[in-house]
Amino acid sequence: MADNMLKVGIIGFGLRISHMAGLMKIFGFPYRIEAIADPACEEIEKAVKEKTPEARTRRRIDPELMQDTKYFSSADEMLDKTELDGVMIGTRCYLHTEMACKVAKRNLPLFLEKPVAINFEQLKMLQKAFENFTAPVVISFPLRLSPIALKVKQIIESGRIGYVEHVVAVNDVPYGVGYFNSWYRNYNEVGGLFLQKATHDFDYIFFLTGQKPKTIAAMNSQRIYGNKDKPFDLLCKDCDEKMECAESPFNLFYKRFAGEKVEWNDWQKCVFSREIKNEDSGNALIELNNGVQVSYTQNFFVRNQKVARRGTRLYGYKGTIDFDWYRNTIIVYDHFTPIVETIEFTGDMPHFGGDRELVYDFLMAMKEKRPSRSPMEAGITSALACLWARESAEKRQFFEVKMP
């Protein structure tokens, strides 16, 4: 083994974190997955040995990176018994804080999936645990590091549109059904969809404007999903309405032309089940520290990919920037000349190119202790805004965005 081989530990080896761990290979730095802590560690080890297809495990199995991986059922045991250069956390959301606090005691470079916490108690615990933490932390916020966002940041800092005076952002999610038919429907594990989706959007808005949130008001609604008297654990394949239901695998294939065949999955549950608490649309109005107002909306029942939008208009006195990740474009409108400039981006990259920047930052954190461009402070600020948005939507009140 090469002396400069980076040793990565992973807590919670799910689909997302296994993808990110494998993506680091593109930069050519030698590393390996030294250890995995997961309640399903025996299943994962067996899948590696048998080279089980990803479709069956819902994880990305990379035998090249996992030749001599050690497997543990608990994070503490892994952290106590292995020497690591960095740790990646990809557990279910409600465990992010607890596992991050364990890593904080070791002061190891950390890659942490969002949201960093799902309630105020966790967030205060996280803030305290990382007060004196000196190793770099990479929070999984790919949008802020995408080529489009970095270019927008550059245009803003050039002064071309003047100061950003108003922000309108939108996220129409064409794959939103996944938050209602899979494990994401478990509200106690995810904390609602401000924390699941808006956490990304709030973060890139704070990043682009260079501001923090001061006050927030929000609303959300559940107009479509969770509005029928169906059992919470009902699988699509066991439903007596499965051939008529627009959300069934049959009609997903037959009417929407998705996939190559009808697939009745063992995990796909009824999106109309009672007890689903995730909202299917939401809105927030945020006042930033400098007085600028931000309007944000998210929607989870749009279906046609042509309807999908994720982007923002940033208005200045001198001009307006309009960008959209789904269309891979930035449009800059000058206000005092008849000029409109369109900047187009090429390539189909995971998370619009932000994932590769995240793993590069994590590699540099392990290799050189280089500071992250998506630090823990950003994760805490975004989660705090999301939690107050959730509180505002429940109580129909404005709130200051501060630690309670």
Protein backbone atom coordinates (compact mmCIF):
# COMPACT_ATOMS: atom_id res chain seq x y z
CA MET A 1 0.00 0.00 0.00
CA ALA A 2 1.33 3.44 -0.88
CA ASP A 3 2.50 5.56 2.06
CA ASN A 4 0.37 8.47 0.88
CA MET A 5 -2.82 6.38 0.68
CA LEU A 6 -5.66 8.30 2.32
CA LYS A 7 -7.79 6.20 4.65
CA VAL A 8 -11.49 7.05 4.68
CA GLY A 9 -14.02 5.91 7.24
CA ILE A 10 -17.74 5.94 6.43
CA ILE A 11 -20.60 6.06 8.93
CA GLY A 12 -23.86 5.01 7.28
CA PHE A 13 -23.06 3.45 3.91
CA GLY A 14 -26.12 4.43 1.87
CA LEU A 15 -26.57 5.24 -1.81
CA ARG A 16 -25.61 8.91 -1.64
CA ILE A 17 -22.46 8.58 0.47
CA SER A 18 -21.27 5.47 -1.38
CA HIS A 19 -21.60 7.48 -4.61
CA MET A 20 -19.58 10.37 -3.17
CA ALA A 21 -16.90 8.04 -1.81
CA GLY A 22 -16.48 6.50 -5.28
CA LEU A 23 -16.56 9.86 -7.06
CA MET A 24 -13.30 10.90 -5.41
CA LYS A 25 -11.48 8.55 -7.80
CA ILE A 26 -11.79 11.08 -10.63
CA PHE A 27 -8.99 13.20 -9.17
CA GLY A 28 -6.42 10.40 -9.10
CA PHE A 29 -5.34 10.78 -5.48
CA PRO A 30 -4.71 7.40 -3.83
CA TYR A 31 -7.29 6.55 -1.17
CA ARG A 32 -9.29 3.64 0.07
CA ILE A 33 -12.35 2.96 2.19
CA GLU A 34 -10.58 1.84 5.33
CA ALA A 35 -13.67 1.17 7.42
CA ILE A 36 -17.46 1.24 7.33
CA ALA A 37 -19.78 1.54 10.32
CA ASP A 38 -23.34 0.54 9.51
CA PRO A 39 -26.02 -1.64 11.18
CA ALA A 40 -26.10 -3.61 7.90
CA CYS A 41 -22.31 -4.13 7.88
CA GLU A 42 -22.57 -7.88 7.33
CA GLU A 43 -24.86 -7.39 4.34
CA ILE A 44 -22.49 -4.77 2.89
CA GLU A 45 -19.44 -7.00 3.37
CA LYS A 46 -21.25 -9.86 1.65
CA ALA A 47 -22.26 -7.59 -1.25
CA VAL A 48 -18.63 -6.53 -1.71
CA LYS A 49 -17.38 -10.11 -1.76
CA GLU A 50 -20.10 -11.26 -4.14
CA LYS A 51 -20.01 -8.04 -6.22
CA THR A 52 -23.77 -7.67 -5.79
CA PRO A 53 -25.37 -5.28 -8.30
CA GLU A 54 -26.16 -1.79 -7.04
CA ALA A 55 -29.83 -2.16 -7.97
CA ARG A 56 -30.21 -4.92 -5.38
CA THR A 57 -28.32 -3.23 -2.56
CA ARG A 58 -29.28 0.45 -3.15
CA ARG A 59 -25.60 1.20 -2.53
CA ARG A 60 -22.68 1.69 -4.86
CA ILE A 61 -20.33 -1.21 -4.31
CA ASP A 62 -16.75 -0.53 -5.48
CA PRO A 63 -14.55 -3.61 -4.88
CA GLU A 64 -11.46 -1.65 -5.93
CA LEU A 65 -11.87 0.75 -2.99
CA MET A 66 -13.12 -1.92 -0.59
CA GLN A 67 -10.62 -4.76 -0.92
CA ASP A 68 -9.54 -4.72 2.73
CA THR A 69 -12.28 -2.64 4.32
CA LYS A 70 -13.04 -3.29 7.99
CA TYR A 71 -16.69 -3.48 8.96
CA PHE A 72 -18.29 -2.36 12.22
CA SER A 73 -21.84 -2.19 13.50
CA SER A 74 -21.20 0.95 15.54
CA ALA A 75 -19.51 4.28 14.79
CA ASP A 76 -17.73 4.37 18.15
CA GLU A 77 -16.10 1.01 17.51
CA MET A 78 -14.91 2.09 14.07
CA LEU A 79 -13.51 5.39 15.36
CA ASP A 80 -11.78 3.66 18.30
CA LYS A 81 -10.23 0.80 16.36
CA THR A 82 -9.07 2.36 13.07
CA GLU A 83 -6.64 5.07 12.04
CA LEU A 84 -8.38 7.40 9.60
CA ASP A 85 -7.54 10.49 7.59
CA GLY A 86 -11.16 11.55 7.34
CA VAL A 87 -14.74 10.46 7.96
CA MET A 88 -17.83 10.66 5.74
CA ILE A 89 -21.29 10.57 7.32
CA GLY A 90 -24.21 9.33 5.24
CA THR A 91 -26.69 8.05 7.82
CA ARG A 92 -30.37 8.86 7.92
CA CYS A 93 -30.86 12.56 8.62
CA TYR A 94 -31.89 12.28 12.26
CA LEU A 95 -28.49 10.70 13.04
CA HIS A 96 -26.30 13.32 11.32
CA THR A 97 -25.80 15.40 14.46
CA GLU A 98 -25.10 12.48 16.77
CA MET A 99 -22.51 10.97 14.43
CA ALA A 100 -20.87 14.31 13.65
CA CYS A 101 -20.41 14.95 17.37
CA LYS A 102 -18.60 11.63 17.68
CA VAL A 103 -16.19 12.67 14.92
CA ALA A 104 -15.74 16.08 16.54
CA LYS A 105 -14.12 14.42 19.56
CA ARG A 106 -11.43 12.99 17.22
CA ASN A 107 -10.89 16.29 15.33
CA LEU A 108 -10.82 14.44 11.99
CA PRO A 109 -11.67 16.01 8.61
CA LEU A 110 -15.38 15.45 8.08
CA PHE A 111 -17.74 15.15 5.13
CA LEU A 112 -21.29 15.54 6.45
CA GLU A 113 -24.49 15.10 4.51
CA LYS A 114 -27.23 17.68 4.90
CA PRO A 115 -29.24 18.64 6.84
CA VAL A 116 -26.76 18.91 9.68
CA ALA A 117 -29.62 18.68 12.23
CA ILE A 118 -33.40 18.22 12.18
CA ASN A 119 -34.38 20.12 15.35
CA PHE A 120 -33.14 22.99 17.49
CA GLU A 121 -31.80 20.72 20.23
CA GLN A 122 -29.57 18.89 17.76
CA LEU A 123 -28.40 22.15 16.23
CA LYS A 124 -27.33 23.57 19.60
CA MET A 125 -25.54 20.31 20.37
CA LEU A 126 -23.72 20.47 17.03
CA GLN A 127 -22.67 24.07 17.47
CA LYS A 128 -21.21 23.34 20.90
CA ALA A 129 -19.38 20.20 19.71
CA PHE A 130 -17.66 22.09 16.87
CA GLU A 131 -16.75 25.28 18.77
CA ASN A 132 -13.09 24.28 19.10
CA PHE A 133 -12.94 21.92 16.13
CA THR A 134 -9.94 22.75 13.93
CA ALA A 135 -10.11 20.11 11.18
CA PRO A 136 -11.93 21.07 7.93
CA VAL A 137 -15.60 20.18 7.55
CA VAL A 138 -17.28 19.75 4.16
CA ILE A 139 -21.06 20.06 4.31
CA SER A 140 -22.77 18.45 1.32
CA PHE A 141 -23.99 21.64 -0.36
CA PRO A 142 -23.23 21.00 -4.05
CA LEU A 143 -25.30 23.89 -5.41
CA ARG A 144 -23.07 26.60 -3.93
CA LEU A 145 -20.01 24.98 -5.56
CA SER A 146 -21.57 24.25 -8.95
CA PRO A 147 -19.98 26.01 -11.95
CA ILE A 148 -23.14 28.07 -12.45
CA ALA A 149 -23.24 29.36 -8.86
CA LEU A 150 -19.52 30.14 -8.85
CA LYS A 151 -19.89 32.10 -12.09
CA VAL A 152 -22.88 34.01 -10.69
CA LYS A 153 -20.83 34.83 -7.60
CA GLN A 154 -18.09 36.15 -9.86
CA ILE A 155 -20.53 38.37 -11.80
CA ILE A 156 -21.99 39.77 -8.59
CA GLU A 157 -18.55 40.54 -7.15
CA SER A 158 -17.56 42.29 -10.41
CA GLY A 159 -20.19 44.93 -9.65
CA ARG A 160 -21.89 44.46 -13.01
CA ILE A 161 -25.44 44.52 -11.59
CA GLY A 162 -24.60 46.69 -8.58
CA TYR A 163 -25.51 45.48 -5.11
CA VAL A 164 -28.04 42.64 -4.94
CA GLU A 165 -31.23 44.39 -3.82
CA HIS A 166 -33.85 41.65 -4.20
CA VAL A 167 -33.88 37.86 -4.66
CA VAL A 168 -36.57 35.54 -6.03
CA ALA A 169 -35.78 31.81 -6.02
CA VAL A 170 -37.75 28.76 -7.12
CA ASN A 171 -37.38 24.99 -6.90
CA ASP A 172 -39.90 22.94 -8.91
CA VAL A 173 -38.87 19.36 -8.12
CA PRO A 174 -39.73 16.85 -10.88
CA TYR A 175 -38.67 13.86 -8.75
CA GLY A 176 -40.55 14.98 -5.63
CA VAL A 177 -42.53 11.73 -5.33
CA GLY A 178 -39.41 10.21 -3.73
CA TYR A 179 -40.13 12.23 -0.60
CA PHE A 180 -43.47 10.48 -0.22
CA ASN A 181 -42.99 6.86 -1.37
CA SER A 182 -39.59 6.03 0.17
CA TRP A 183 -37.98 6.33 3.60
CA TYR A 184 -37.97 10.14 3.19
CA ARG A 185 -41.71 10.05 4.07
CA ASN A 186 -40.72 9.35 7.70
CA TYR A 187 -41.06 12.86 9.12
CA ASN A 188 -39.33 12.00 12.38
CA GLU A 189 -36.24 10.99 10.41
CA VAL A 190 -36.08 13.91 7.95
CA GLY A 191 -37.75 16.84 9.69
CA GLY A 192 -39.85 18.03 6.75
CA LEU A 193 -39.01 19.35 3.32
CA PHE A 194 -37.61 22.75 4.22
CA LEU A 195 -34.76 20.79 5.80
CA GLN A 196 -34.55 18.34 2.93
CA LYS A 197 -34.61 20.70 -0.06
CA ALA A 198 -34.70 24.37 0.98
CA THR A 199 -31.53 23.84 3.01
CA HIS A 200 -29.62 23.72 -0.31
CA ASP A 201 -31.39 26.76 -1.73
CA PHE A 202 -31.12 28.88 1.39
CA ASP A 203 -27.43 28.05 1.53
CA TYR A 204 -26.60 29.11 -2.02
CA ILE A 205 -28.62 32.31 -1.58
CA PHE A 206 -26.68 33.22 1.56
CA PHE A 207 -23.47 32.31 -0.27
CA LEU A 208 -24.23 34.41 -3.35
CA THR A 209 -25.39 37.46 -1.40
CA GLY A 210 -22.71 37.17 1.29
CA GLN A 211 -25.43 37.69 3.91
CA LYS A 212 -27.06 35.81 6.76
CA PRO A 213 -30.80 35.52 7.42
CA LYS A 214 -32.30 37.95 9.95
CA THR A 215 -36.04 37.19 9.97
CA ILE A 216 -38.25 34.65 8.23
CA ALA A 217 -41.90 33.94 7.51
CA ALA A 218 -43.06 30.75 5.83
CA MET A 219 -46.06 28.71 4.81
CA ASN A 220 -46.44 25.19 3.52
CA SER A 221 -49.29 22.96 2.47
CA GLN A 222 -50.24 19.36 1.79
CA ARG A 223 -52.65 19.52 -1.11
CA ILE A 224 -51.85 16.31 -2.97
CA TYR A 225 -49.95 13.67 -1.05
CA GLY A 226 -51.03 12.06 2.22
CA ASN A 227 -54.65 13.03 1.66
CA LYS A 228 -56.28 9.63 1.32
CA ASP A 229 -57.20 7.02 3.86
CA LYS A 230 -54.46 4.55 2.96
CA PRO A 231 -52.34 2.64 5.50
CA PHE A 232 -48.92 4.19 6.10
CA ASP A 233 -47.06 0.97 5.32
CA LEU A 234 -49.08 0.02 2.20
CA LEU A 235 -46.84 -0.97 -0.71
CA CYS A 236 -47.84 0.06 -4.22
CA LYS A 237 -47.71 -3.52 -5.39
CA ASP A 238 -50.26 -4.57 -2.73
CA CYS A 239 -52.77 -1.78 -3.39
CA ASP A 240 -56.15 -2.64 -4.95
CA GLU A 241 -55.98 0.61 -6.97
CA LYS A 242 -52.51 0.05 -8.37
CA MET A 243 -53.61 -0.20 -12.02
CA GLU A 244 -55.58 3.08 -11.90
CA CYS A 245 -53.34 5.15 -9.63
CA ALA A 246 -51.30 7.78 -11.48
CA GLU A 247 -48.39 7.23 -9.05
CA SER A 248 -48.10 3.46 -9.46
CA PRO A 249 -45.09 1.84 -11.18
CA PHE A 250 -47.49 0.62 -13.87
CA ASN A 251 -48.64 4.09 -14.89
CA LEU A 252 -45.23 5.58 -14.29
CA PHE A 253 -44.08 3.34 -17.14
CA TYR A 254 -47.25 3.08 -19.26
CA LYS A 255 -48.43 6.70 -19.21
CA ARG A 256 -45.29 8.66 -18.36
CA PHE A 257 -42.85 6.59 -20.40
CA ALA A 258 -40.42 6.24 -17.47
CA GLY A 259 -38.05 3.26 -17.41
CA GLU A 260 -37.76 0.26 -19.68
CA LYS A 261 -40.42 -1.87 -18.01
CA VAL A 262 -42.88 -1.99 -15.12
CA GLU A 263 -41.04 -2.57 -11.84
CA TRP A 264 -42.94 -3.25 -8.64
CA ASN A 265 -40.40 -2.34 -5.98
CA ASP A 266 -40.36 -3.81 -2.50
CA TRP A 267 -39.74 -0.37 -0.97
CA GLN A 268 -42.25 1.79 -2.86
CA LYS A 269 -45.10 2.82 -0.55
CA CYS A 270 -48.35 4.65 -1.17
CA VAL A 271 -47.81 8.40 -1.57
CA PHE A 272 -51.40 9.01 -0.44
CA SER A 273 -50.96 7.18 2.86
CA ARG A 274 -52.40 8.74 5.96
CA GLU A 275 -49.82 9.96 8.50
CA ILE A 276 -47.51 11.37 5.83
CA LYS A 277 -46.53 14.77 7.26
CA ASN A 278 -44.16 16.06 4.57
CA GLU A 279 -45.57 19.12 2.82
CA ASP A 280 -45.87 19.05 -0.98
CA SER A 281 -45.33 22.78 -1.46
CA GLY A 282 -43.84 25.59 0.59
CA ASN A 283 -42.91 29.25 0.53
CA ALA A 284 -40.58 31.42 2.58
CA LEU A 285 -39.93 35.15 2.83
CA ILE A 286 -36.52 35.97 4.31
CA GLU A 287 -35.06 39.29 5.34
CA LEU A 288 -31.26 39.26 5.16
CA ASN A 289 -28.96 41.12 7.57
CA ASN A 290 -28.60 44.03 5.14
CA GLY A 291 -32.37 44.39 4.69
CA VAL A 292 -32.62 42.66 1.29
CA GLN A 293 -35.70 40.48 0.91
CA VAL A 294 -35.65 36.94 -0.46
CA SER A 295 -38.71 35.12 -1.80
CA TYR A 296 -38.43 31.33 -2.13
CA THR A 297 -40.89 28.69 -3.28
CA GLN A 298 -40.65 24.90 -3.63
CA ASN A 299 -43.06 22.42 -5.18
CA PHE A 300 -42.97 18.62 -5.14
CA PHE A 301 -45.76 17.47 -7.45
CA VAL A 302 -44.61 18.85 -10.82
CA ARG A 303 -43.92 15.93 -13.12
CA ASN A 304 -42.86 16.87 -16.62
CA GLN A 305 -39.10 17.44 -16.79
CA LYS A 306 -39.76 20.49 -18.97
CA VAL A 307 -41.50 22.11 -16.00
CA ALA A 308 -38.55 21.54 -13.67
CA ARG A 309 -36.83 24.70 -12.48
CA ARG A 310 -34.18 25.40 -9.91
CA GLY A 311 -32.68 28.80 -9.89
CA THR A 312 -32.91 32.43 -8.95
CA ARG A 313 -33.29 35.99 -10.12
CA LEU A 314 -30.95 38.41 -8.36
CA TYR A 315 -31.93 42.03 -8.96
CA GLY A 316 -29.51 44.93 -8.76
CA TYR A 317 -29.94 48.57 -9.74
CA LYS A 318 -27.58 48.14 -12.70
CA GLY A 319 -28.80 44.76 -13.88
CA THR A 320 -30.47 41.42 -13.20
CA ILE A 321 -29.03 37.91 -13.15
CA ASP A 322 -31.38 35.04 -13.99
CA PHE A 323 -30.01 31.49 -13.75
CA ASP A 324 -31.42 27.98 -13.85
CA TRP A 325 -29.55 24.74 -13.22
CA TYR A 326 -31.97 22.62 -15.24
CA ARG A 327 -31.43 24.77 -18.31
CA ASN A 328 -27.70 25.19 -17.65
CA THR A 329 -27.86 28.92 -18.33
CA ILE A 330 -27.13 32.29 -16.78
CA ILE A 331 -28.79 35.33 -18.38
CA VAL A 332 -27.50 38.77 -17.45
CA TYR A 333 -29.74 41.74 -18.25
CA ASP A 334 -28.16 45.18 -18.22
CA HIS A 335 -30.53 47.91 -17.04
CA PHE A 336 -28.83 50.89 -18.69
CA THR A 337 -27.77 49.41 -22.03
CA PRO A 338 -29.75 47.25 -24.49
CA ILE A 339 -27.55 44.25 -23.69
CA VAL A 340 -28.60 40.76 -22.69
CA GLU A 341 -25.86 38.18 -22.25
CA THR A 342 -26.56 34.46 -22.14
CA ILE A 343 -23.96 32.12 -20.67
CA GLU A 344 -24.49 28.43 -21.42
CA PHE A 345 -22.89 25.50 -19.63
CA THR A 346 -22.18 22.09 -21.10
CA GLY A 347 -21.94 18.67 -19.52
CA ASP A 348 -24.25 16.49 -17.48
CA MET A 349 -22.62 16.34 -14.07
CA PRO A 350 -24.00 14.99 -10.75
CA HIS A 351 -25.69 17.77 -8.81
CA PHE A 352 -24.88 20.21 -11.62
CA GLY A 353 -21.15 19.81 -11.10
CA GLY A 354 -21.15 20.58 -7.40
CA ASP A 355 -20.46 17.02 -6.27
CA ARG A 356 -17.01 16.95 -7.85
CA GLU A 357 -16.12 20.20 -6.04
CA LEU A 358 -17.29 18.76 -2.74
CA VAL A 359 -15.21 15.61 -3.01
CA TYR A 360 -12.20 17.66 -4.14
CA ASP A 361 -12.54 19.80 -1.01
CA PHE A 362 -12.76 16.67 1.13
CA LEU A 363 -9.68 15.17 -0.50
CA MET A 364 -7.78 18.41 0.14
CA ALA A 365 -9.09 18.48 3.71
CA MET A 366 -7.59 15.04 4.34
CA LYS A 367 -4.44 15.57 2.30
CA GLU A 368 -3.49 19.16 3.22
CA LYS A 369 -5.99 20.20 5.93
CA ARG A 370 -7.18 22.83 3.44
CA PRO A 371 -10.26 24.81 4.61
CA SER A 372 -13.58 23.85 3.05
CA ARG A 373 -15.70 26.06 0.81
CA SER A 374 -18.86 24.65 2.42
CA PRO A 375 -17.97 24.76 6.12
CA MET A 376 -19.91 23.74 9.23
CA GLU A 377 -20.98 27.35 9.80
CA ALA A 378 -22.86 27.25 6.47
CA GLY A 379 -24.59 24.02 7.48
CA ILE A 380 -25.69 25.44 10.82
CA THR A 381 -26.90 28.74 9.30
CA SER A 382 -28.98 26.99 6.64
CA ALA A 383 -30.47 24.46 9.07
CA LEU A 384 -31.33 27.28 11.49
CA ALA A 385 -33.20 29.14 8.74
CA CYS A 386 -35.03 25.94 7.74
CA LEU A 387 -36.05 25.18 11.32
CA TRP A 388 -37.46 28.67 11.80
CA ALA A 389 -39.24 28.35 8.44
CA ARG A 390 -40.83 25.15 9.70
CA GLU A 391 -41.76 26.86 12.96
CA SER A 392 -43.21 29.81 11.09
CA ALA A 393 -45.30 27.57 8.83
CA GLU A 394 -46.70 25.76 11.87
CA LYS A 395 -47.47 28.89 13.92
CA ARG A 396 -48.12 31.43 11.14
CA GLN A 397 -45.70 33.94 12.66
CA PHE A 398 -42.55 35.83 11.70
CA PHE A 399 -39.43 34.71 13.57
CA GLU A 400 -35.92 35.99 14.08
CA VAL A 401 -33.37 33.54 12.70
CA LYS A 402 -31.29 32.96 15.81
CA MET A 403 -30.35 30.09 18.07
CA PRO A 404 -33.17 29.63 20.60
